Amino acid sequence: MSNIIQKLLEGKIDFEGQKLVEKIARDTLIVATLVSFIAGFALQSLQVTFGLFALFVVLLSIAVIPPWPMYNRHPVKWLPAKGTKT
């Protein structure tokens, strides 16, 4: 059980996963800003604007902060270590 938890918390994602996370975060924040602004403007309420934006940020955090397996589909193949001279 502890191996599973340790593996989940280790945080390994590949370079393609990092690019995907960046795209998801950028696009979500743009949409969140627009939706929050329009809803707040329509209802004339800053509370709605910031509350809706905070909800988007929390959902985005759940989507991108944990190292989900979809972010490690292209693991880096490292070259084997050469013998070192001491």
PDB file of N, CA and C in Angstrom:
ATOM      1  N   MET A   1       0.825  -1.200   0.000  1.00  0.00           N
ATOM      2  CA  MET A   1       0.000   0.000   0.000  1.00  0.00           C
ATOM      3  C   MET A   1       0.862   1.255   0.000  1.00  0.00           C
ATOM      4  N   SER A   2       1.924   1.253   0.810  1.00  0.00           N
ATOM      5  CA  SER A   2       2.775   2.439   0.874  1.00  0.00           C
ATOM      6  C   SER A   2       3.532   2.647  -0.430  1.00  0.00           C
ATOM      7  N   ASN A   3       3.824   1.572  -1.174  1.00  0.00           N
ATOM      8  CA  ASN A   3       4.493   1.712  -2.473  1.00  0.00           C
ATOM      9  C   ASN A   3       3.602   2.445  -3.469  1.00  0.00           C
ATOM     10  N   ILE A   4       2.312   2.166  -3.428  1.00  0.00           N
ATOM     11  CA  ILE A   4       1.369   2.830  -4.326  1.00  0.00           C
ATOM     12  C   ILE A   4       1.298   4.320  -4.003  1.00  0.00           C
ATOM     13  N   ILE A   5       1.197   4.642  -2.733  1.00  0.00           N
ATOM     14  CA  ILE A   5       1.135   6.043  -2.313  1.00  0.00           C
ATOM     15  C   ILE A   5       2.431   6.761  -2.669  1.00  0.00           C
ATOM     16  N   GLN A   6       3.563   6.118  -2.426  1.00  0.00           N
ATOM     17  CA  GLN A   6       4.851   6.726  -2.751  1.00  0.00           C
ATOM     18  C   GLN A   6       4.973   6.965  -4.258  1.00  0.00           C
ATOM     19  N   LYS A   7       4.526   6.004  -5.061  1.00  0.00           N
ATOM     20  CA  LYS A   7       4.590   6.153  -6.511  1.00  0.00           C
ATOM     21  C   LYS A   7       3.714   7.313  -6.992  1.00  0.00           C
ATOM     22  N   LEU A   8       2.528   7.479  -6.369  1.00  0.00           N
ATOM     23  CA  LEU A   8       1.642   8.578  -6.746  1.00  0.00           C
ATOM     24  C   LEU A   8       2.213   9.936  -6.362  1.00  0.00           C
ATOM     25  N   LEU A   9       2.895   9.998  -5.222  1.00  0.00           N
ATOM     26  CA  LEU A   9       3.422  11.267  -4.738  1.00  0.00           C
ATOM     27  C   LEU A   9       4.794  11.607  -5.314  1.00  0.00           C
ATOM     28  N   GLU A  10       5.408  10.661  -6.031  1.00  0.00           N
ATOM     29  CA  GLU A  10       6.744  10.880  -6.558  1.00  0.00           C
ATOM     30  C   GLU A  10       6.771  11.997  -7.598  1.00  0.00           C
ATOM     31  N   GLY A  11       5.747  12.118  -8.384  1.00  0.00           N
ATOM     32  CA  GLY A  11       5.617  13.247  -9.288  1.00  0.00           C
ATOM     33  C   GLY A  11       6.359  13.125 -10.595  1.00  0.00           C
ATOM     34  N   LYS A  12       6.501  11.934 -11.132  1.00  0.00           N
ATOM     35  CA  LYS A  12       7.200  11.780 -12.401  1.00  0.00           C
ATOM     36  C   LYS A  12       6.251  12.016 -13.564  1.00  0.00           C
ATOM     37  N   ILE A  13       6.557  13.025 -14.351  1.00  0.00           N
ATOM     38  CA  ILE A  13       5.867  13.232 -15.622  1.00  0.00           C
ATOM     39  C   ILE A  13       6.942  13.510 -16.663  1.00  0.00           C
ATOM     40  N   ASP A  14       6.639  13.202 -17.920  1.00  0.00           N
ATOM     41  CA  ASP A  14       7.624  13.396 -18.978  1.00  0.00           C
ATOM     42  C   ASP A  14       7.483  14.780 -19.601  1.00  0.00           C
ATOM     43  N   PHE A  15       8.347  15.047 -20.592  1.00  0.00           N
ATOM     44  CA  PHE A  15       8.347  16.372 -21.213  1.00  0.00           C
ATOM     45  C   PHE A  15       7.062  16.641 -21.982  1.00  0.00           C
ATOM     46  N   GLU A  16       6.530  15.626 -22.643  1.00  0.00           N
ATOM     47  CA  GLU A  16       5.259  15.792 -23.349  1.00  0.00           C
ATOM     48  C   GLU A  16       4.124  16.047 -22.349  1.00  0.00           C
ATOM     49  N   GLY A  17       4.188  15.402 -21.194  1.00  0.00           N
ATOM     50  CA  GLY A  17       3.202  15.630 -20.140  1.00  0.00           C
ATOM     51  C   GLY A  17       3.270  17.053 -19.610  1.00  0.00           C
ATOM     52  N   GLN A  18       4.491  17.569 -19.476  1.00  0.00           N
ATOM     53  CA  GLN A  18       4.648  18.959 -19.027  1.00  0.00           C
ATOM     54  C   GLN A  18       4.047  19.923 -20.038  1.00  0.00           C
ATOM     55  N   LYS A  19       4.245  19.631 -21.321  1.00  0.00           N
ATOM     56  CA  LYS A  19       3.680  20.489 -22.362  1.00  0.00           C
ATOM     57  C   LYS A  19       2.154  20.436 -22.324  1.00  0.00           C
ATOM     58  N   LEU A  20       1.610  19.221 -22.101  1.00  0.00           N
ATOM     59  CA  LEU A  20       0.159  19.063 -22.016  1.00  0.00           C
ATOM     60  C   LEU A  20      -0.412  19.819 -20.811  1.00  0.00           C
ATOM     61  N   VAL A  21       0.254  19.716 -19.664  1.00  0.00           N
ATOM     62  CA  VAL A  21      -0.187  20.432 -18.459  1.00  0.00           C
ATOM     63  C   VAL A  21      -0.188  21.934 -18.700  1.00  0.00           C
ATOM     64  N   GLU A  22       0.864  22.430 -19.359  1.00  0.00           N
ATOM     65  CA  GLU A  22       0.936  23.867 -19.635  1.00  0.00           C
ATOM     66  C   GLU A  22      -0.203  24.307 -20.550  1.00  0.00           C
ATOM     67  N   LYS A  23      -0.510  23.523 -21.572  1.00  0.00           N
ATOM     68  CA  LYS A  23      -1.599  23.866 -22.490  1.00  0.00           C
ATOM     69  C   LYS A  23      -2.950  23.827 -21.782  1.00  0.00           C
ATOM     70  N   ILE A  24      -3.179  22.787 -20.981  1.00  0.00           N
ATOM     71  CA  ILE A  24      -4.438  22.679 -20.239  1.00  0.00           C
ATOM     72  C   ILE A  24      -4.595  23.859 -19.288  1.00  0.00           C
ATOM     73  N   ALA A  25      -3.542  24.196 -18.570  1.00  0.00           N
ATOM     74  CA  ALA A  25      -3.612  25.293 -17.605  1.00  0.00           C
ATOM     75  C   ALA A  25      -3.861  26.629 -18.308  1.00  0.00           C
ATOM     76  N   ARG A  26      -3.127  26.888 -19.388  1.00  0.00           N
ATOM     77  CA  ARG A  26      -3.292  28.151 -20.113  1.00  0.00           C
ATOM     78  C   ARG A  26      -4.708  28.292 -20.660  1.00  0.00           C
ATOM     79  N   ASP A  27      -5.184  27.255 -21.346  1.00  0.00           N
ATOM     80  CA  ASP A  27      -6.515  27.328 -21.959  1.00  0.00           C
ATOM     81  C   ASP A  27      -7.616  27.431 -20.898  1.00  0.00           C
ATOM     82  N   THR A  28      -7.466  26.677 -19.816  1.00  0.00           N
ATOM     83  CA  THR A  28      -8.477  26.716 -18.755  1.00  0.00           C
ATOM     84  C   THR A  28      -8.516  28.078 -18.081  1.00  0.00           C
ATOM     85  N   LEU A  29      -7.353  28.668 -17.832  1.00  0.00           N
ATOM     86  CA  LEU A  29      -7.340  29.989 -17.188  1.00  0.00           C
ATOM     87  C   LEU A  29      -7.925  31.073 -18.090  1.00  0.00           C
ATOM     88  N   ILE A  30      -7.696  30.957 -19.396  1.00  0.00           N
ATOM     89  CA  ILE A  30      -8.293  31.926 -20.320  1.00  0.00           C
ATOM     90  C   ILE A  30      -9.816  31.798 -20.302  1.00  0.00           C
ATOM     91  N   VAL A  31     -10.311  30.566 -20.401  1.00  0.00           N
ATOM     92  CA  VAL A  31     -11.760  30.336 -20.374  1.00  0.00           C
ATOM     93  C   VAL A  31     -12.342  30.765 -19.029  1.00  0.00           C
ATOM     94  N   ALA A  32     -11.651  30.447 -17.937  1.00  0.00           N
ATOM     95  CA  ALA A  32     -12.128  30.811 -16.604  1.00  0.00           C
ATOM     96  C   ALA A  32     -12.237  32.320 -16.455  1.00  0.00           C
ATOM     97  N   THR A  33     -11.252  33.029 -16.967  1.00  0.00           N
ATOM     98  CA  THR A  33     -11.281  34.485 -16.883  1.00  0.00           C
ATOM     99  C   THR A  33     -12.469  35.055 -17.650  1.00  0.00           C
ATOM    100  N   LEU A  34     -12.664  34.567 -18.860  1.00  0.00           N
ATOM    101  CA  LEU A  34     -13.773  35.075 -19.667  1.00  0.00           C
ATOM    102  C   LEU A  34     -15.136  34.747 -19.054  1.00  0.00           C
ATOM    103  N   VAL A  35     -15.317  33.500 -18.639  1.00  0.00           N
ATOM    104  CA  VAL A  35     -16.601  33.085 -18.057  1.00  0.00           C
ATOM    105  C   VAL A  35     -16.866  33.847 -16.761  1.00  0.00           C
ATOM    106  N   SER A  36     -15.856  33.968 -15.922  1.00  0.00           N
ATOM    107  CA  SER A  36     -16.020  34.674 -14.644  1.00  0.00           C
ATOM    108  C   SER A  36     -16.366  36.141 -14.860  1.00  0.00           C
ATOM    109  N   PHE A  37     -15.652  36.769 -15.792  1.00  0.00           N
ATOM    110  CA  PHE A  37     -15.909  38.185 -16.060  1.00  0.00           C
ATOM    111  C   PHE A  37     -17.322  38.397 -16.598  1.00  0.00           C
ATOM    112  N   ILE A  38     -17.718  37.574 -17.563  1.00  0.00           N
ATOM    113  CA  ILE A  38     -19.046  37.730 -18.161  1.00  0.00           C
ATOM    114  C   ILE A  38     -20.146  37.472 -17.134  1.00  0.00           C
ATOM    115  N   ALA A  39     -19.986  36.432 -16.323  1.00  0.00           N
ATOM    116  CA  ALA A  39     -21.000  36.133 -15.305  1.00  0.00           C
ATOM    117  C   ALA A  39     -21.051  37.237 -14.252  1.00  0.00           C
ATOM    118  N   GLY A  40     -19.891  37.708 -13.819  1.00  0.00           N
ATOM    119  CA  GLY A  40     -19.858  38.778 -12.830  1.00  0.00           C
ATOM    120  C   GLY A  40     -20.424  40.080 -13.368  1.00  0.00           C
ATOM    121  N   PHE A  41     -20.115  40.364 -14.629  1.00  0.00           N
ATOM    122  CA  PHE A  41     -20.629  41.583 -15.245  1.00  0.00           C
ATOM    123  C   PHE A  41     -22.146  41.503 -15.412  1.00  0.00           C
ATOM    124  N   ALA A  42     -22.635  40.344 -15.839  1.00  0.00           N
ATOM    125  CA  ALA A  42     -24.078  40.176 -16.048  1.00  0.00           C
ATOM    126  C   ALA A  42     -24.842  40.295 -14.731  1.00  0.00           C
ATOM    127  N   LEU A  43     -24.263  39.774 -13.660  1.00  0.00           N
ATOM    128  CA  LEU A  43     -24.938  39.816 -12.361  1.00  0.00           C
ATOM    129  C   LEU A  43     -24.504  41.010 -11.507  1.00  0.00           C
ATOM    130  N   GLN A  44     -23.573  41.812 -12.038  1.00  0.00           N
ATOM    131  CA  GLN A  44     -23.058  42.978 -11.316  1.00  0.00           C
ATOM    132  C   GLN A  44     -22.571  42.592  -9.924  1.00  0.00           C
ATOM    133  N   SER A  45     -21.731  41.547  -9.870  1.00  0.00           N
ATOM    134  CA  SER A  45     -21.274  41.047  -8.580  1.00  0.00           C
ATOM    135  C   SER A  45     -19.822  40.605  -8.669  1.00  0.00           C
ATOM    136  N   LEU A  46     -18.977  41.271  -7.887  1.00  0.00           N
ATOM    137  CA  LEU A  46     -17.586  40.837  -7.792  1.00  0.00           C
ATOM    138  C   LEU A  46     -17.480  39.504  -7.071  1.00  0.00           C
ATOM    139  N   GLN A  47     -18.384  39.251  -6.164  1.00  0.00           N
ATOM    140  CA  GLN A  47     -18.381  37.981  -5.434  1.00  0.00           C
ATOM    141  C   GLN A  47     -18.576  36.811  -6.404  1.00  0.00           C
ATOM    142  N   VAL A  48     -19.460  36.951  -7.349  1.00  0.00           N
ATOM    143  CA  VAL A  48     -19.670  35.908  -8.357  1.00  0.00           C
ATOM    144  C   VAL A  48     -18.423  35.764  -9.225  1.00  0.00           C
ATOM    145  N   THR A  49     -17.831  36.889  -9.623  1.00  0.00           N
ATOM    146  CA  THR A  49     -16.637  36.855 -10.462  1.00  0.00           C
ATOM    147  C   THR A  49     -15.516  36.081  -9.786  1.00  0.00           C
ATOM    148  N   PHE A  50     -15.180  36.472  -8.569  1.00  0.00           N
ATOM    149  CA  PHE A  50     -14.055  35.830  -7.886  1.00  0.00           C
ATOM    150  C   PHE A  50     -14.396  34.423  -7.409  1.00  0.00           C
ATOM    151  N   GLY A  51     -15.642  34.194  -7.029  1.00  0.00           N
ATOM    152  CA  GLY A  51     -16.048  32.856  -6.607  1.00  0.00           C
ATOM    153  C   GLY A  51     -15.980  31.861  -7.751  1.00  0.00           C
ATOM    154  N   LEU A  52     -16.460  32.259  -8.910  1.00  0.00           N
ATOM    155  CA  LEU A  52     -16.422  31.390 -10.076  1.00  0.00           C
ATOM    156  C   LEU A  52     -14.991  31.146 -10.536  1.00  0.00           C
ATOM    157  N   PHE A  53     -14.176  32.190 -10.508  1.00  0.00           N
ATOM    158  CA  PHE A  53     -12.769  32.025 -10.885  1.00  0.00           C
ATOM    159  C   PHE A  53     -12.046  31.097  -9.905  1.00  0.00           C
ATOM    160  N   ALA A  54     -12.328  31.237  -8.619  1.00  0.00           N
ATOM    161  CA  ALA A  54     -11.717  30.361  -7.612  1.00  0.00           C
ATOM    162  C   ALA A  54     -12.134  28.908  -7.835  1.00  0.00           C
ATOM    163  N   LEU A  55     -13.375  28.685  -8.198  1.00  0.00           N
ATOM    164  CA  LEU A  55     -13.843  27.334  -8.490  1.00  0.00           C
ATOM    165  C   LEU A  55     -13.069  26.738  -9.668  1.00  0.00           C
ATOM    166  N   PHE A  56     -12.876  27.531 -10.725  1.00  0.00           N
ATOM    167  CA  PHE A  56     -12.089  27.068 -11.867  1.00  0.00           C
ATOM    168  C   PHE A  56     -10.657  26.735 -11.454  1.00  0.00           C
ATOM    169  N   VAL A  57     -10.059  27.563 -10.608  1.00  0.00           N
ATOM    170  CA  VAL A  57      -8.679  27.328 -10.178  1.00  0.00           C
ATOM    171  C   VAL A  57      -8.575  26.044  -9.359  1.00  0.00           C
ATOM    172  N   VAL A  58      -9.533  25.796  -8.495  1.00  0.00           N
ATOM    173  CA  VAL A  58      -9.512  24.568  -7.693  1.00  0.00           C
ATOM    174  C   VAL A  58      -9.651  23.345  -8.602  1.00  0.00           C
ATOM    175  N   LEU A  59     -10.579  23.393  -9.550  1.00  0.00           N
ATOM    176  CA  LEU A  59     -10.750  22.275 -10.480  1.00  0.00           C
ATOM    177  C   LEU A  59      -9.510  22.081 -11.350  1.00  0.00           C
ATOM    178  N   LEU A  60      -8.911  23.177 -11.780  1.00  0.00           N
ATOM    179  CA  LEU A  60      -7.679  23.092 -12.561  1.00  0.00           C
ATOM    180  C   LEU A  60      -6.554  22.486 -11.743  1.00  0.00           C
ATOM    181  N   SER A  61      -6.460  22.856 -10.485  1.00  0.00           N
ATOM    182  CA  SER A  61      -5.423  22.295  -9.611  1.00  0.00           C
ATOM    183  C   SER A  61      -5.582  20.791  -9.452  1.00  0.00           C
ATOM    184  N   ILE A  62      -6.818  20.340  -9.313  1.00  0.00           N
ATOM    185  CA  ILE A  62      -7.075  18.902  -9.203  1.00  0.00           C
ATOM    186  C   ILE A  62      -6.675  18.187 -10.503  1.00  0.00           C
ATOM    187  N   ALA A  63      -6.834  18.870 -11.630  1.00  0.00           N
ATOM    188  CA  ALA A  63      -6.537  18.250 -12.919  1.00  0.00           C
ATOM    189  C   ALA A  63      -5.050  18.210 -13.248  1.00  0.00           C
ATOM    190  N   VAL A  64      -4.274  19.206 -12.792  1.00  0.00           N
ATOM    191  CA  VAL A  64      -2.884  19.276 -13.263  1.00  0.00           C
ATOM    192  C   VAL A  64      -1.819  19.057 -12.203  1.00  0.00           C
ATOM    193  N   ILE A  65      -2.117  19.218 -10.938  1.00  0.00           N
ATOM    194  CA  ILE A  65      -1.062  19.081  -9.930  1.00  0.00           C
ATOM    195  C   ILE A  65      -0.681  17.625  -9.666  1.00  0.00           C
ATOM    196  N   PRO A  66      -1.621  16.707  -9.477  1.00  0.00           N
ATOM    197  CA  PRO A  66      -1.184  15.316  -9.260  1.00  0.00           C
ATOM    198  C   PRO A  66      -0.537  14.742 -10.527  1.00  0.00           C
ATOM    199  N   PRO A  67       0.432  13.859 -10.368  1.00  0.00           N
ATOM    200  CA  PRO A  67       1.080  13.260 -11.545  1.00  0.00           C
ATOM    201  C   PRO A  67       0.234  12.130 -12.135  1.00  0.00           C
ATOM    202  N   TRP A  68      -0.855  12.481 -12.790  1.00  0.00           N
ATOM    203  CA  TRP A  68      -1.738  11.481 -13.384  1.00  0.00           C
ATOM    204  C   TRP A  68      -0.975  10.678 -14.433  1.00  0.00           C
ATOM    205  N   PRO A  69      -1.345   9.400 -14.643  1.00  0.00           N
ATOM    206  CA  PRO A  69      -0.647   8.572 -15.636  1.00  0.00           C
ATOM    207  C   PRO A  69      -0.673   9.139 -17.057  1.00  0.00           C
ATOM    208  N   MET A  70      -1.680   9.922 -17.398  1.00  0.00           N
ATOM    209  CA  MET A  70      -1.742  10.483 -18.753  1.00  0.00           C
ATOM    210  C   MET A  70      -0.615  11.479 -19.011  1.00  0.00           C
ATOM    211  N   TYR A  71       0.067  11.941 -17.947  1.00  0.00           N
ATOM    212  CA  TYR A  71       1.178  12.869 -18.108  1.00  0.00           C
ATOM    213  C   TYR A  71       2.515  12.147 -18.230  1.00  0.00           C
ATOM    214  N   ASN A  72       2.510  10.812 -18.236  1.00  0.00           N
ATOM    215  CA  ASN A  72       3.755  10.054 -18.335  1.00  0.00           C
ATOM    216  C   ASN A  72       3.632   8.980 -19.414  1.00  0.00           C
ATOM    217  N   ARG A  73       3.070   9.338 -20.548  1.00  0.00           N
ATOM    218  CA  ARG A  73       2.890   8.385 -21.643  1.00  0.00           C
ATOM    219  C   ARG A  73       4.144   8.223 -22.493  1.00  0.00           C
ATOM    220  N   HIS A  74       5.047   9.191 -22.435  1.00  0.00           N
ATOM    221  CA  HIS A  74       6.261   9.167 -23.245  1.00  0.00           C
ATOM    222  C   HIS A  74       7.485   9.269 -22.334  1.00  0.00           C
ATOM    223  N   PRO A  75       7.776   8.223 -21.553  1.00  0.00           N
ATOM    224  CA  PRO A  75       8.909   8.316 -20.635  1.00  0.00           C
ATOM    225  C   PRO A  75      10.235   8.450 -21.385  1.00  0.00           C
ATOM    226  N   VAL A  76      11.172   9.139 -20.785  1.00  0.00           N
ATOM    227  CA  VAL A  76      12.473   9.362 -21.391  1.00  0.00           C
ATOM    228  C   VAL A  76      13.309   8.093 -21.251  1.00  0.00           C
ATOM    229  N   LYS A  77      13.892   7.673 -22.360  1.00  0.00           N
ATOM    230  CA  LYS A  77      14.785   6.516 -22.337  1.00  0.00           C
ATOM    231  C   LYS A  77      16.214   7.043 -22.168  1.00  0.00           C
ATOM    232  N   TRP A  78      16.773   6.863 -20.989  1.00  0.00           N
ATOM    233  CA  TRP A  78      18.113   7.352 -20.707  1.00  0.00           C
ATOM    234  C   TRP A  78      19.155   6.369 -21.226  1.00  0.00           C
ATOM    235  N   LEU A  79      20.296   6.880 -21.624  1.00  0.00           N
ATOM    236  CA  LEU A  79      21.392   6.024 -22.061  1.00  0.00           C
ATOM    237  C   LEU A  79      22.003   5.328 -20.847  1.00  0.00           C
ATOM    238  N   PRO A  80      22.548   4.149 -21.041  1.00  0.00           N
ATOM    239  CA  PRO A  80      23.185   3.479 -19.899  1.00  0.00           C
ATOM    240  C   PRO A  80      24.428   4.245 -19.456  1.00  0.00           C
ATOM    241  N   ALA A  81      24.720   4.145 -18.166  1.00  0.00           N
ATOM    242  CA  ALA A  81      25.876   4.854 -17.607  1.00  0.00           C
ATOM    243  C   ALA A  81      27.163   4.201 -18.080  1.00  0.00           C
ATOM    244  N   LYS A  82      28.127   5.034 -18.444  1.00  0.00           N
ATOM    245  CA  LYS A  82      29.444   4.517 -18.841  1.00  0.00           C
ATOM    246  C   LYS A  82      30.273   4.307 -17.593  1.00  0.00           C
ATOM    247  N   GLY A  83      31.267   3.483 -17.693  1.00  0.00           N
ATOM    248  CA  GLY A  83      32.159   3.265 -16.564  1.00  0.00           C
ATOM    249  C   GLY A  83      32.925   4.535 -16.233  1.00  0.00           C
ATOM    250  N   THR A  84      32.999   4.868 -14.978  1.00  0.00           N
ATOM    251  CA  THR A  84      33.695   6.094 -14.570  1.00  0.00           C
ATOM    252  C   THR A  84      35.107   5.776 -14.133  1.00  0.00           C
ATOM    253  N   LYS A  85      35.990   6.692 -14.394  1.00  0.00           N
ATOM    254  CA  LYS A  85      37.391   6.530 -13.969  1.00  0.00           C
ATOM    255  C   LYS A  85      37.560   7.181 -12.605  1.00  0.00           C
ATOM    256  N   THR A  86      38.129   6.468 -11.680  1.00  0.00           N
ATOM    257  CA  THR A  86      38.343   7.032 -10.340  1.00  0.00           C
ATOM    258  C   THR A  86      39.804   7.136 -10.033  1.00  0.00           C
TER     259      THR A  86
END
